[in-house]
Amino acid sequence: MKEITPKELEEKMEKGEVLHLIDVREDDEVANGMIPGAKHIPMNQIPEYMDKLDKDKEYIFICRSGGRSGHVCQFLEANGYKAINMVGGMLEWNGDIVSGK
């Protein structure tokens, strides 16, 4: 499984790279803030959302610590998707955050 650190992600964002970020935390967690530009899809909704993901795009998955997003990455990779896990999750994110739902 491919991984990215919060610092590496922040650097990519600062360079203006086009990124596809998906936050898989629960509603109450994203209410405390999420990475700007991230789309919120709770982990348990990923299977029903898969048909909306493009297999040609690379997605970076985010959760609180990197555990749940890692499971999502493994699941999606097994189904032919390009997924990257942000290790350390939001616990290690020091960049900007925006208000969640």
C-alpha atoms as a PDB file:
ATOM      1  CA  MET A   1       0.000   0.000   0.000  1.00  0.00           C
ATOM      2  CA  LYS A   2       1.280   3.438  -0.911  1.00  0.00           C
ATOM      3  CA  GLU A   3       1.582   5.920   1.938  1.00  0.00           C
ATOM      4  CA  ILE A   4       2.049   9.636   2.345  1.00  0.00           C
ATOM      5  CA  THR A   5       2.914  11.560   5.495  1.00  0.00           C
ATOM      6  CA  PRO A   6       0.899  14.589   6.576  1.00  0.00           C
ATOM      7  CA  LYS A   7       3.975  16.757   5.923  1.00  0.00           C
ATOM      8  CA  GLU A   8       4.377  15.366   2.379  1.00  0.00           C
ATOM      9  CA  LEU A   9       0.700  16.015   1.699  1.00  0.00           C
ATOM     10  CA  GLU A  10       0.974  19.557   3.007  1.00  0.00           C
ATOM     11  CA  GLU A  11       3.963  20.169   0.696  1.00  0.00           C
ATOM     12  CA  LYS A  12       2.010  18.866  -2.323  1.00  0.00           C
ATOM     13  CA  MET A  13      -0.895  21.151  -1.440  1.00  0.00           C
ATOM     14  CA  GLU A  14       1.432  24.153  -1.101  1.00  0.00           C
ATOM     15  CA  LYS A  15       2.790  23.436  -4.599  1.00  0.00           C
ATOM     16  CA  GLY A  16      -0.770  23.535  -5.925  1.00  0.00           C
ATOM     17  CA  GLU A  17      -0.866  19.890  -7.026  1.00  0.00           C
ATOM     18  CA  VAL A  18      -4.287  18.550  -7.971  1.00  0.00           C
ATOM     19  CA  LEU A  19      -5.143  16.028  -5.273  1.00  0.00           C
ATOM     20  CA  HIS A  20      -8.163  13.858  -4.576  1.00  0.00           C
ATOM     21  CA  LEU A  21      -8.559  13.711  -0.802  1.00  0.00           C
ATOM     22  CA  ILE A  22     -11.176  11.604   0.936  1.00  0.00           C
ATOM     23  CA  ASP A  23     -11.752  11.808   4.688  1.00  0.00           C
ATOM     24  CA  VAL A  24     -13.272   8.544   5.974  1.00  0.00           C
ATOM     25  CA  ARG A  25     -13.891   9.653   9.566  1.00  0.00           C
ATOM     26  CA  GLU A  26     -17.336   9.801  11.152  1.00  0.00           C
ATOM     27  CA  ASP A  27     -19.514  12.939  11.134  1.00  0.00           C
ATOM     28  CA  ASP A  28     -18.646  13.905  14.721  1.00  0.00           C
ATOM     29  CA  GLU A  29     -14.921  13.699  13.910  1.00  0.00           C
ATOM     30  CA  VAL A  30     -15.029  15.860  10.780  1.00  0.00           C
ATOM     31  CA  ALA A  31     -17.103  18.397  12.713  1.00  0.00           C
ATOM     32  CA  ASN A  32     -13.814  19.283  14.450  1.00  0.00           C
ATOM     33  CA  GLY A  33     -12.275  20.184  11.099  1.00  0.00           C
ATOM     34  CA  MET A  34     -10.877  18.589   8.001  1.00  0.00           C
ATOM     35  CA  ILE A  35      -8.198  19.229   5.394  1.00  0.00           C
ATOM     36  CA  PRO A  36      -9.259  21.889   2.855  1.00  0.00           C
ATOM     37  CA  GLY A  37     -10.517  20.285  -0.350  1.00  0.00           C
ATOM     38  CA  ALA A  38     -11.143  16.874   1.203  1.00  0.00           C
ATOM     39  CA  LYS A  39     -14.406  15.099   0.471  1.00  0.00           C
ATOM     40  CA  HIS A  40     -16.104  13.439   3.442  1.00  0.00           C
ATOM     41  CA  ILE A  41     -17.196   9.840   2.864  1.00  0.00           C
ATOM     42  CA  PRO A  42     -17.483   7.860   6.120  1.00  0.00           C
ATOM     43  CA  MET A  43     -15.629   4.535   5.979  1.00  0.00           C
ATOM     44  CA  ASN A  44     -18.806   2.446   6.109  1.00  0.00           C
ATOM     45  CA  GLN A  45     -20.129   4.227   2.993  1.00  0.00           C
ATOM     46  CA  ILE A  46     -17.068   3.550   0.808  1.00  0.00           C
ATOM     47  CA  PRO A  47     -18.404   0.283  -0.741  1.00  0.00           C
ATOM     48  CA  GLU A  48     -21.581   1.977  -1.976  1.00  0.00           C
ATOM     49  CA  TYR A  49     -19.591   5.006  -3.195  1.00  0.00           C
ATOM     50  CA  MET A  50     -17.026   3.025  -5.226  1.00  0.00           C
ATOM     51  CA  ASP A  51     -18.867   3.420  -8.530  1.00  0.00           C
ATOM     52  CA  LYS A  52     -18.390   7.200  -8.209  1.00  0.00           C
ATOM     53  CA  LEU A  53     -14.592   6.852  -7.965  1.00  0.00           C
ATOM     54  CA  ASP A  54     -12.434   6.932 -11.091  1.00  0.00           C
ATOM     55  CA  LYS A  55     -10.007   3.991 -11.331  1.00  0.00           C
ATOM     56  CA  ASP A  56      -7.630   6.225 -13.324  1.00  0.00           C
ATOM     57  CA  LYS A  57      -7.289   8.757 -10.496  1.00  0.00           C
ATOM     58  CA  GLU A  58      -5.211   8.413  -7.365  1.00  0.00           C
ATOM     59  CA  TYR A  59      -7.017   9.057  -4.089  1.00  0.00           C
ATOM     60  CA  ILE A  60      -5.498   9.956  -0.729  1.00  0.00           C
ATOM     61  CA  PHE A  61      -7.462   8.629   2.228  1.00  0.00           C
ATOM     62  CA  ILE A  62      -7.479  10.305   5.624  1.00  0.00           C
ATOM     63  CA  CYS A  63      -8.747   9.299   9.066  1.00  0.00           C
ATOM     64  CA  ARG A  64      -7.857  10.100  12.668  1.00  0.00           C
ATOM     65  CA  SER A  65      -4.646   8.049  12.920  1.00  0.00           C
ATOM     66  CA  GLY A  66      -4.204   6.211   9.609  1.00  0.00           C
ATOM     67  CA  GLY A  67      -5.745   2.881  10.632  1.00  0.00           C
ATOM     68  CA  ARG A  68      -9.197   3.132   9.088  1.00  0.00           C
ATOM     69  CA  SER A  69      -7.881   4.877   5.987  1.00  0.00           C
ATOM     70  CA  GLY A  70      -5.340   2.053   5.639  1.00  0.00           C
ATOM     71  CA  HIS A  71      -8.145  -0.524   5.634  1.00  0.00           C
ATOM     72  CA  VAL A  72     -10.037   1.522   3.028  1.00  0.00           C
ATOM     73  CA  CYS A  73      -6.896   1.654   0.856  1.00  0.00           C
ATOM     74  CA  GLN A  74      -6.423  -2.118   1.052  1.00  0.00           C
ATOM     75  CA  PHE A  75     -10.081  -2.685   0.162  1.00  0.00           C
ATOM     76  CA  LEU A  76      -9.999  -0.300  -2.796  1.00  0.00           C
ATOM     77  CA  GLU A  77      -6.649  -1.571  -4.101  1.00  0.00           C
ATOM     78  CA  ALA A  78      -8.087  -5.104  -4.074  1.00  0.00           C
ATOM     79  CA  ASN A  79     -10.864  -3.742  -6.305  1.00  0.00           C
ATOM     80  CA  GLY A  80      -8.548  -2.038  -8.801  1.00  0.00           C
ATOM     81  CA  TYR A  81      -8.397   1.514  -7.415  1.00  0.00           C
ATOM     82  CA  LYS A  82      -5.326   3.682  -6.807  1.00  0.00           C
ATOM     83  CA  ALA A  83      -5.281   4.532  -3.104  1.00  0.00           C
ATOM     84  CA  ILE A  84      -2.743   6.214  -0.831  1.00  0.00           C
ATOM     85  CA  ASN A  85      -2.979   6.169   2.954  1.00  0.00           C
ATOM     86  CA  MET A  86      -2.066   9.289   4.938  1.00  0.00           C
ATOM     87  CA  VAL A  87      -0.117   7.696   7.780  1.00  0.00           C
ATOM     88  CA  GLY A  88      -0.511   9.336  11.164  1.00  0.00           C
ATOM     89  CA  GLY A  89      -3.865  10.768  10.116  1.00  0.00           C
ATOM     90  CA  MET A  90      -5.298  13.992  11.447  1.00  0.00           C
ATOM     91  CA  LEU A  91      -3.445  13.461  14.722  1.00  0.00           C
ATOM     92  CA  GLU A  92      -0.243  14.401  12.874  1.00  0.00           C
ATOM     93  CA  TRP A  93      -1.732  16.993  10.497  1.00  0.00           C
ATOM     94  CA  ASN A  94      -0.319  20.458  11.194  1.00  0.00           C
ATOM     95  CA  GLY A  95      -1.671  22.215   8.101  1.00  0.00           C
ATOM     96  CA  ASP A  96      -4.818  24.245   7.646  1.00  0.00           C
ATOM     97  CA  ILE A  97      -8.191  22.814   8.514  1.00  0.00           C
ATOM     98  CA  VAL A  98     -11.661  23.918   7.528  1.00  0.00           C
ATOM     99  CA  SER A  99     -14.949  23.436   9.282  1.00  0.00           C
ATOM    100  CA  GLY A 100     -16.463  20.022   8.615  1.00  0.00           C
ATOM    101  CA  LYS A 101     -20.166  19.225   8.289  1.00  0.00           C
END
